[in-house]
Amino acid sequence: MQTVFALQTRGAGLYEFTGTVAGWLEDERARDGLLTLFVRHTSCSLLIQENADPDVQRDLSAFLERLVPPADDPSMDYLVHTLEGPDDMPAHIKAALLPVSLSIPVMNGRMALGTWQGIYLFEHRSHPHQRQVAAHFG
């Protein structure tokens, strides 16, 4: 089973789509197997992260912003790829540091996520983007 999830972002941040994936598995009557998710872009990432306290997402975003600031920050003056805006090359760096694919066991049709775990697309660009996440279940 395969599909592509289309996710609309509003700019940098984490976007949970656990329910969308769970709904697809349910619609497809998935049983036991392995779910693989892969983001089809070079300036965003995928994460499994806590979904109970939104402060976790805010803190993760703030940490990465401090770790890799925009290209117009004086500490980033070594960057060469700046034609697509001050958020582009830093987004590529963040995507290189974080996963772009996830593997999740599925048991009895349900993802084997922990109680407080959710699946997130981590948008690293400042402006809205239409993102695609390819899914394979087998």
C-alpha atoms as a PDB file:
ATOM      1  CA  MET A   1       0.000   0.000   0.000  1.00  0.00           C
ATOM      2  CA  GLN A   2       1.275   3.412  -0.925  1.00  0.00           C
ATOM      3  CA  THR A   3       0.006   6.969  -0.902  1.00  0.00           C
ATOM      4  CA  VAL A   4       1.218  10.553  -0.794  1.00  0.00           C
ATOM      5  CA  PHE A   5       0.006  12.928   1.893  1.00  0.00           C
ATOM      6  CA  ALA A   6      -0.233  16.591   0.862  1.00  0.00           C
ATOM      7  CA  LEU A   7       0.465  18.928   3.778  1.00  0.00           C
ATOM      8  CA  GLN A   8       0.053  22.694   3.668  1.00  0.00           C
ATOM      9  CA  THR A   9       2.320  24.671   5.996  1.00  0.00           C
ATOM     10  CA  ARG A  10       1.920  28.269   7.126  1.00  0.00           C
ATOM     11  CA  GLY A  11       5.651  28.839   7.615  1.00  0.00           C
ATOM     12  CA  ALA A  12       8.313  27.495   9.941  1.00  0.00           C
ATOM     13  CA  GLY A  13       7.152  25.135  12.675  1.00  0.00           C
ATOM     14  CA  LEU A  14       5.930  21.633  13.439  1.00  0.00           C
ATOM     15  CA  TYR A  15       2.745  20.305  11.848  1.00  0.00           C
ATOM     16  CA  GLU A  16       1.241  17.149  13.308  1.00  0.00           C
ATOM     17  CA  PHE A  17      -0.360  14.721  10.871  1.00  0.00           C
ATOM     18  CA  THR A  18      -0.654  11.574  13.014  1.00  0.00           C
ATOM     19  CA  GLY A  19      -4.424  11.435  12.573  1.00  0.00           C
ATOM     20  CA  THR A  20      -4.173  11.629   8.799  1.00  0.00           C
ATOM     21  CA  VAL A  21      -1.775   8.679   8.706  1.00  0.00           C
ATOM     22  CA  ALA A  22      -3.861   6.682  11.203  1.00  0.00           C
ATOM     23  CA  GLY A  23      -6.986   7.329   9.106  1.00  0.00           C
ATOM     24  CA  TRP A  24      -5.257   6.077   5.946  1.00  0.00           C
ATOM     25  CA  LEU A  25      -4.120   2.880   7.700  1.00  0.00           C
ATOM     26  CA  GLU A  26      -7.666   2.338   8.946  1.00  0.00           C
ATOM     27  CA  ASP A  27      -9.205   2.982   5.507  1.00  0.00           C
ATOM     28  CA  GLU A  28      -6.766   0.499   3.955  1.00  0.00           C
ATOM     29  CA  ARG A  29      -7.496  -2.079   6.662  1.00  0.00           C
ATOM     30  CA  ALA A  30      -3.816  -2.400   7.497  1.00  0.00           C
ATOM     31  CA  ARG A  31      -2.927  -5.118   9.985  1.00  0.00           C
ATOM     32  CA  ASP A  32       0.677  -5.862  10.967  1.00  0.00           C
ATOM     33  CA  GLY A  33       3.662  -4.430   9.122  1.00  0.00           C
ATOM     34  CA  LEU A  34       6.028  -1.535   8.792  1.00  0.00           C
ATOM     35  CA  LEU A  35       5.034   1.979   7.781  1.00  0.00           C
ATOM     36  CA  THR A  36       7.671   4.094   6.081  1.00  0.00           C
ATOM     37  CA  LEU A  37       7.174   7.846   5.639  1.00  0.00           C
ATOM     38  CA  PHE A  38       9.473   9.945   3.426  1.00  0.00           C
ATOM     39  CA  VAL A  39       9.281  13.715   2.885  1.00  0.00           C
ATOM     40  CA  ARG A  40       9.868  14.661  -0.756  1.00  0.00           C
ATOM     41  CA  HIS A  41      11.607  18.000  -0.115  1.00  0.00           C
ATOM     42  CA  THR A  42      15.054  19.245   0.956  1.00  0.00           C
ATOM     43  CA  SER A  43      14.036  22.041   3.315  1.00  0.00           C
ATOM     44  CA  CYS A  44      11.784  20.255   5.817  1.00  0.00           C
ATOM     45  CA  SER A  45      12.006  17.147   8.013  1.00  0.00           C
ATOM     46  CA  LEU A  46       9.926  14.472   9.696  1.00  0.00           C
ATOM     47  CA  LEU A  47       9.885  13.856  13.447  1.00  0.00           C
ATOM     48  CA  ILE A  48       8.198  11.687  16.012  1.00  0.00           C
ATOM     49  CA  GLN A  49       7.801  13.974  18.978  1.00  0.00           C
ATOM     50  CA  GLU A  50       5.660  14.694  22.023  1.00  0.00           C
ATOM     51  CA  ASN A  51       2.164  15.855  21.111  1.00  0.00           C
ATOM     52  CA  ALA A  52       0.788  16.624  24.583  1.00  0.00           C
ATOM     53  CA  ASP A  53       2.457  19.942  25.402  1.00  0.00           C
ATOM     54  CA  PRO A  54       2.784  22.522  22.586  1.00  0.00           C
ATOM     55  CA  ASP A  55       5.724  24.058  24.471  1.00  0.00           C
ATOM     56  CA  VAL A  56       7.806  21.106  23.234  1.00  0.00           C
ATOM     57  CA  GLN A  57       7.264  22.149  19.606  1.00  0.00           C
ATOM     58  CA  ARG A  58       7.965  25.810  20.425  1.00  0.00           C
ATOM     59  CA  ASP A  59      11.185  24.906  22.253  1.00  0.00           C
ATOM     60  CA  LEU A  60      12.377  22.648  19.422  1.00  0.00           C
ATOM     61  CA  SER A  61      11.752  25.400  16.898  1.00  0.00           C
ATOM     62  CA  ALA A  62      13.514  27.985  19.067  1.00  0.00           C
ATOM     63  CA  PHE A  63      16.511  25.689  19.597  1.00  0.00           C
ATOM     64  CA  LEU A  64      16.966  25.034  15.883  1.00  0.00           C
ATOM     65  CA  GLU A  65      16.589  28.744  15.122  1.00  0.00           C
ATOM     66  CA  ARG A  66      19.440  29.476  17.569  1.00  0.00           C
ATOM     67  CA  LEU A  67      21.522  26.598  16.228  1.00  0.00           C
ATOM     68  CA  VAL A  68      21.025  27.589  12.580  1.00  0.00           C
ATOM     69  CA  PRO A  69      19.904  31.248  12.282  1.00  0.00           C
ATOM     70  CA  PRO A  70      18.817  32.871   8.997  1.00  0.00           C
ATOM     71  CA  ALA A  71      21.469  33.609   6.374  1.00  0.00           C
ATOM     72  CA  ASP A  72      21.263  37.347   7.067  1.00  0.00           C
ATOM     73  CA  ASP A  73      22.492  36.765  10.650  1.00  0.00           C
ATOM     74  CA  PRO A  74      26.156  37.881  10.914  1.00  0.00           C
ATOM     75  CA  SER A  75      27.153  34.434  12.229  1.00  0.00           C
ATOM     76  CA  MET A  76      26.052  32.917   8.901  1.00  0.00           C
ATOM     77  CA  ASP A  77      28.066  35.194   6.611  1.00  0.00           C
ATOM     78  CA  TYR A  78      30.001  32.180   5.277  1.00  0.00           C
ATOM     79  CA  LEU A  79      26.957  30.885   3.351  1.00  0.00           C
ATOM     80  CA  VAL A  80      27.139  31.051  -0.434  1.00  0.00           C
ATOM     81  CA  HIS A  81      23.672  29.745  -1.397  1.00  0.00           C
ATOM     82  CA  THR A  82      21.535  32.800  -0.568  1.00  0.00           C
ATOM     83  CA  LEU A  83      19.601  33.494  -3.801  1.00  0.00           C
ATOM     84  CA  GLU A  84      16.377  31.929  -2.491  1.00  0.00           C
ATOM     85  CA  GLY A  85      16.209  34.077   0.637  1.00  0.00           C
ATOM     86  CA  PRO A  86      17.742  34.108   4.101  1.00  0.00           C
ATOM     87  CA  ASP A  87      15.693  31.098   5.258  1.00  0.00           C
ATOM     88  CA  ASP A  88      16.595  28.726   2.402  1.00  0.00           C
ATOM     89  CA  MET A  89      20.136  27.513   3.110  1.00  0.00           C
ATOM     90  CA  PRO A  90      19.493  27.326   6.869  1.00  0.00           C
ATOM     91  CA  ALA A  91      16.434  25.170   6.020  1.00  0.00           C
ATOM     92  CA  HIS A  92      18.656  22.808   4.030  1.00  0.00           C
ATOM     93  CA  ILE A  93      21.084  22.591   6.968  1.00  0.00           C
ATOM     94  CA  LYS A  94      18.263  21.785   9.402  1.00  0.00           C
ATOM     95  CA  ALA A  95      16.925  19.118   7.029  1.00  0.00           C
ATOM     96  CA  ALA A  96      20.418  17.616   6.854  1.00  0.00           C
ATOM     97  CA  LEU A  97      20.520  17.383  10.666  1.00  0.00           C
ATOM     98  CA  LEU A  98      17.032  15.914  11.157  1.00  0.00           C
ATOM     99  CA  PRO A  99      15.386  12.830   9.650  1.00  0.00           C
ATOM    100  CA  VAL A 100      13.590  12.961   6.312  1.00  0.00           C
ATOM    101  CA  SER A 101      12.142   9.447   6.715  1.00  0.00           C
ATOM    102  CA  LEU A 102      10.547   7.491   9.539  1.00  0.00           C
ATOM    103  CA  SER A 103       9.831   3.797  10.087  1.00  0.00           C
ATOM    104  CA  ILE A 104       6.914   2.971  12.375  1.00  0.00           C
ATOM    105  CA  PRO A 105       5.758  -0.545  13.311  1.00  0.00           C
ATOM    106  CA  VAL A 106       2.040  -1.162  12.832  1.00  0.00           C
ATOM    107  CA  MET A 107       0.347  -3.744  15.067  1.00  0.00           C
ATOM    108  CA  ASN A 108      -3.257  -4.791  14.622  1.00  0.00           C
ATOM    109  CA  GLY A 109      -3.799  -1.852  12.288  1.00  0.00           C
ATOM    110  CA  ARG A 110      -2.482   0.797  14.682  1.00  0.00           C
ATOM    111  CA  MET A 111       0.856   2.564  14.709  1.00  0.00           C
ATOM    112  CA  ALA A 112       2.948   1.440  17.688  1.00  0.00           C
ATOM    113  CA  LEU A 113       3.505   5.019  18.859  1.00  0.00           C
ATOM    114  CA  GLY A 114       3.878   5.804  22.538  1.00  0.00           C
ATOM    115  CA  THR A 115       1.144   7.553  24.488  1.00  0.00           C
ATOM    116  CA  TRP A 116       2.471  11.071  23.887  1.00  0.00           C
ATOM    117  CA  GLN A 117       4.072  10.567  20.470  1.00  0.00           C
ATOM    118  CA  GLY A 118       2.881  12.184  17.266  1.00  0.00           C
ATOM    119  CA  ILE A 119       4.160  12.389  13.703  1.00  0.00           C
ATOM    120  CA  TYR A 120       5.239  15.847  12.588  1.00  0.00           C
ATOM    121  CA  LEU A 121       6.381  17.570   9.458  1.00  0.00           C
ATOM    122  CA  PHE A 122       8.967  20.128  10.580  1.00  0.00           C
ATOM    123  CA  GLU A 123       8.801  23.041   8.141  1.00  0.00           C
ATOM    124  CA  HIS A 124      12.085  24.951   8.061  1.00  0.00           C
ATOM    125  CA  ARG A 125      11.117  27.677   5.566  1.00  0.00           C
ATOM    126  CA  SER A 126       9.552  30.975   6.674  1.00  0.00           C
ATOM    127  CA  HIS A 127       6.784  31.073   4.070  1.00  0.00           C
ATOM    128  CA  PRO A 128       3.882  28.675   3.434  1.00  0.00           C
ATOM    129  CA  HIS A 129       4.640  25.597   1.366  1.00  0.00           C
ATOM    130  CA  GLN A 130       2.747  22.635  -0.031  1.00  0.00           C
ATOM    131  CA  ARG A 131       4.664  19.542   1.122  1.00  0.00           C
ATOM    132  CA  GLN A 132       4.376  15.903   0.121  1.00  0.00           C
ATOM    133  CA  VAL A 133       5.068  12.908   2.347  1.00  0.00           C
ATOM    134  CA  ALA A 134       5.214   9.546   0.558  1.00  0.00           C
ATOM    135  CA  ALA A 135       3.951   6.582   2.600  1.00  0.00           C
ATOM    136  CA  HIS A 136       4.546   2.879   2.093  1.00  0.00           C
ATOM    137  CA  PHE A 137       3.029   0.134   4.230  1.00  0.00           C
ATOM    138  CA  GLY A 138       4.053  -3.457   3.892  1.00  0.00           C
END
